[in-house]
Amino acid sequence: SKEKKRHMGDTNHFCPVSLKENFVLYPGRYEHAAKYQEKFYYFATSEYRDKFLKNPEEYVAHNEPIHAPPLRVCLLGTHGAGKTTCARKIANKLGIFHIQFEEHLQELILPKTKRKVGPHFNEDDDNKMPILSQEQEDSSQTKDEPEKIKQVI
């Protein structure tokens, strides 16, 4: 007997609700499939399937195709393995931007903790940020003296 070919929905085997709401390509599951306008759609969860079925037009392509989320690449490796060098080359080649995660994380943590956090920064290290009032900052800089670097490296 001939099997009927399943016509996939606009997002192929990825969950259209996850794509629309979270901008993430999440593979749908066979047990959470639904048929809409002679196409089969696969969903990450039964809740997403139910959400889709309540208002399918919100999740299907109309005049233009549904766009995939931006490319994300994560490089992992030991200290000194060349992750940053490779990441910069990949970013340059693909025309995407490079985020140095550790630096980004420090930028987020520093204002809250007033110190850098991580294995490179022990309690014994003098890694606490000097907390100066605006008045102290202004008076610590003279016309003859260049602006001081405020971040401790």
Protein backbone atom coordinates (compact mmCIF):
# COMPACT_ATOMS: atom_id res chain seq x y z
CA SER A 1 0.00 0.00 0.00
CA LYS A 2 1.15 3.50 -0.81
CA GLU A 3 1.77 5.84 2.10
CA LYS A 4 0.46 9.36 1.68
CA LYS A 5 3.19 11.97 1.80
CA ARG A 6 2.66 14.33 4.70
CA HIS A 7 2.69 17.96 3.68
CA MET A 8 4.61 19.84 6.33
CA GLY A 9 3.51 23.21 7.64
CA ASP A 10 5.35 26.48 7.07
CA THR A 11 7.91 25.78 9.79
CA ASN A 12 8.68 22.25 8.56
CA HIS A 13 9.25 20.02 11.63
CA PHE A 14 9.85 22.99 13.97
CA CYS A 15 7.25 24.29 16.40
CA PRO A 16 5.55 27.40 14.91
CA VAL A 17 4.47 28.66 18.35
CA SER A 18 8.01 28.47 19.76
CA LEU A 19 9.30 30.28 16.68
CA LYS A 20 6.70 33.04 16.79
CA GLU A 21 6.77 33.64 20.55
CA ASN A 22 10.41 32.92 21.47
CA PHE A 23 12.18 33.26 18.09
CA VAL A 24 13.72 29.82 18.65
CA LEU A 25 13.69 26.84 16.28
CA TYR A 26 12.52 24.06 18.55
CA PRO A 27 11.81 20.66 16.99
CA GLY A 28 8.17 19.65 17.22
CA ARG A 29 7.13 16.22 18.45
CA TYR A 30 5.08 13.72 16.50
CA GLU A 31 2.71 13.18 19.43
CA HIS A 32 1.90 16.93 19.46
CA ALA A 33 1.05 17.20 15.75
CA ALA A 34 -2.03 18.90 14.31
CA LYS A 35 -3.40 19.30 10.82
CA TYR A 36 -4.41 22.73 9.53
CA GLN A 37 -5.36 23.53 5.91
CA GLU A 38 -4.10 20.13 4.69
CA LYS A 39 -0.67 20.68 6.28
CA PHE A 40 0.81 19.01 9.32
CA TYR A 41 2.35 21.11 12.06
CA TYR A 42 4.47 19.74 14.90
CA PHE A 43 4.62 21.35 18.33
CA ALA A 44 7.06 21.29 21.24
CA THR A 45 4.26 20.73 23.77
CA SER A 46 0.56 19.95 23.77
CA GLU A 47 -0.01 23.44 25.24
CA TYR A 48 1.64 24.99 22.17
CA ARG A 49 -0.51 22.80 19.90
CA ASP A 50 -3.67 23.96 21.71
CA LYS A 51 -2.54 27.59 21.48
CA PHE A 52 -1.97 27.16 17.74
CA LEU A 53 -5.37 25.55 17.19
CA LYS A 54 -7.14 28.44 18.98
CA ASN A 55 -5.70 30.95 16.51
CA PRO A 56 -3.71 29.24 13.71
CA GLU A 57 -3.59 32.32 11.47
CA GLU A 58 -1.31 33.98 14.02
CA TYR A 59 1.35 31.30 13.48
CA VAL A 60 1.25 30.49 9.73
CA ALA A 61 2.97 32.31 6.86
CA HIS A 62 0.85 34.77 4.94
CA ASN A 63 2.37 36.88 2.15
CA GLU A 64 6.02 36.19 2.92
CA PRO A 65 7.86 33.18 4.33
CA ILE A 66 8.48 32.87 8.06
CA HIS A 67 12.04 33.94 8.89
CA ALA A 68 14.35 31.75 10.92
CA PRO A 69 16.00 33.19 14.04
CA PRO A 70 19.54 34.59 13.74
CA LEU A 71 22.47 32.21 13.73
CA ARG A 72 23.96 31.61 17.17
CA VAL A 73 27.29 29.87 17.62
CA CYS A 74 28.77 28.92 20.98
CA LEU A 75 32.40 27.86 21.26
CA LEU A 76 33.55 25.94 24.32
CA GLY A 77 37.06 24.98 25.27
CA THR A 78 39.76 25.15 27.86
CA HIS A 79 41.61 28.34 28.76
CA GLY A 80 44.01 29.31 25.98
CA ALA A 81 42.52 26.94 23.39
CA GLY A 82 41.86 29.76 20.92
CA LYS A 83 38.10 30.19 21.33
CA THR A 84 38.22 33.98 20.98
CA THR A 85 40.47 33.82 17.91
CA CYS A 86 38.20 31.26 16.23
CA ALA A 87 35.04 33.14 17.22
CA ARG A 88 36.32 36.40 15.73
CA LYS A 89 37.25 34.64 12.47
CA ILE A 90 33.87 32.89 12.28
CA ALA A 91 31.99 36.12 13.05
CA ASN A 92 33.97 37.97 10.40
CA LYS A 93 33.43 35.24 7.80
CA LEU A 94 29.67 34.95 8.46
CA GLY A 95 29.07 38.68 8.91
CA ILE A 96 27.69 38.24 12.42
CA PHE A 97 28.79 39.94 15.62
CA HIS A 98 30.96 38.37 18.31
CA ILE A 99 30.10 38.51 22.00
CA GLN A 100 32.85 37.70 24.49
CA PHE A 101 30.55 36.06 27.05
CA GLU A 102 32.86 36.39 30.05
CA GLU A 103 33.32 40.11 29.42
CA HIS A 104 29.58 40.55 28.90
CA LEU A 105 28.85 38.64 32.10
CA GLN A 106 31.33 40.79 34.05
CA GLU A 107 29.61 43.93 32.72
CA LEU A 108 26.30 42.65 34.07
CA ILE A 109 27.69 41.48 37.44
CA LEU A 110 30.08 44.37 38.22
CA PRO A 111 27.44 47.06 38.92
CA LYS A 112 25.67 44.74 41.37
CA THR A 113 28.64 43.19 43.19
CA LYS A 114 31.18 46.04 42.85
CA ARG A 115 33.78 43.37 42.10
CA LYS A 116 34.67 40.97 39.33
CA VAL A 117 33.58 37.38 39.80
CA GLY A 118 35.17 34.16 38.56
CA PRO A 119 38.09 31.78 38.98
CA HIS A 120 40.57 34.47 37.86
CA PHE A 121 39.43 36.80 40.65
CA ASN A 122 40.03 35.35 44.13
CA GLU A 123 39.04 36.96 47.40
CA ASP A 124 42.74 37.70 48.01
CA ASP A 125 43.04 39.68 44.77
CA ASP A 126 42.52 43.41 44.94
CA ASN A 127 39.67 43.29 42.44
CA LYS A 128 37.15 45.49 44.19
CA MET A 129 36.02 48.53 42.28
CA PRO A 130 36.76 51.84 43.97
CA ILE A 131 33.45 53.48 44.75
CA LEU A 132 33.84 57.22 44.42
CA SER A 133 31.19 59.87 44.57
CA GLN A 134 30.95 62.18 41.56
CA GLU A 135 32.57 64.93 43.69
CA GLN A 136 35.52 62.67 44.59
CA GLU A 137 35.91 61.63 40.94
CA ASP A 138 35.93 65.25 39.79
CA SER A 139 38.46 66.37 42.42
CA SER A 140 40.76 63.41 41.75
CA GLN A 141 41.37 64.58 38.18
CA THR A 142 43.48 67.67 37.59
CA LYS A 143 44.08 69.51 34.34
CA ASP A 144 47.68 68.25 34.17
CA GLU A 145 46.71 64.66 34.94
CA PRO A 146 45.03 62.43 32.28
CA GLU A 147 41.70 60.83 33.15
CA LYS A 148 42.25 57.80 35.35
CA ILE A 149 41.05 54.38 34.28
CA LYS A 150 38.23 53.53 36.65
CA GLN A 151 37.90 49.84 35.94
CA VAL A 152 40.37 47.58 37.70
CA ILE A 153 41.66 44.92 35.35
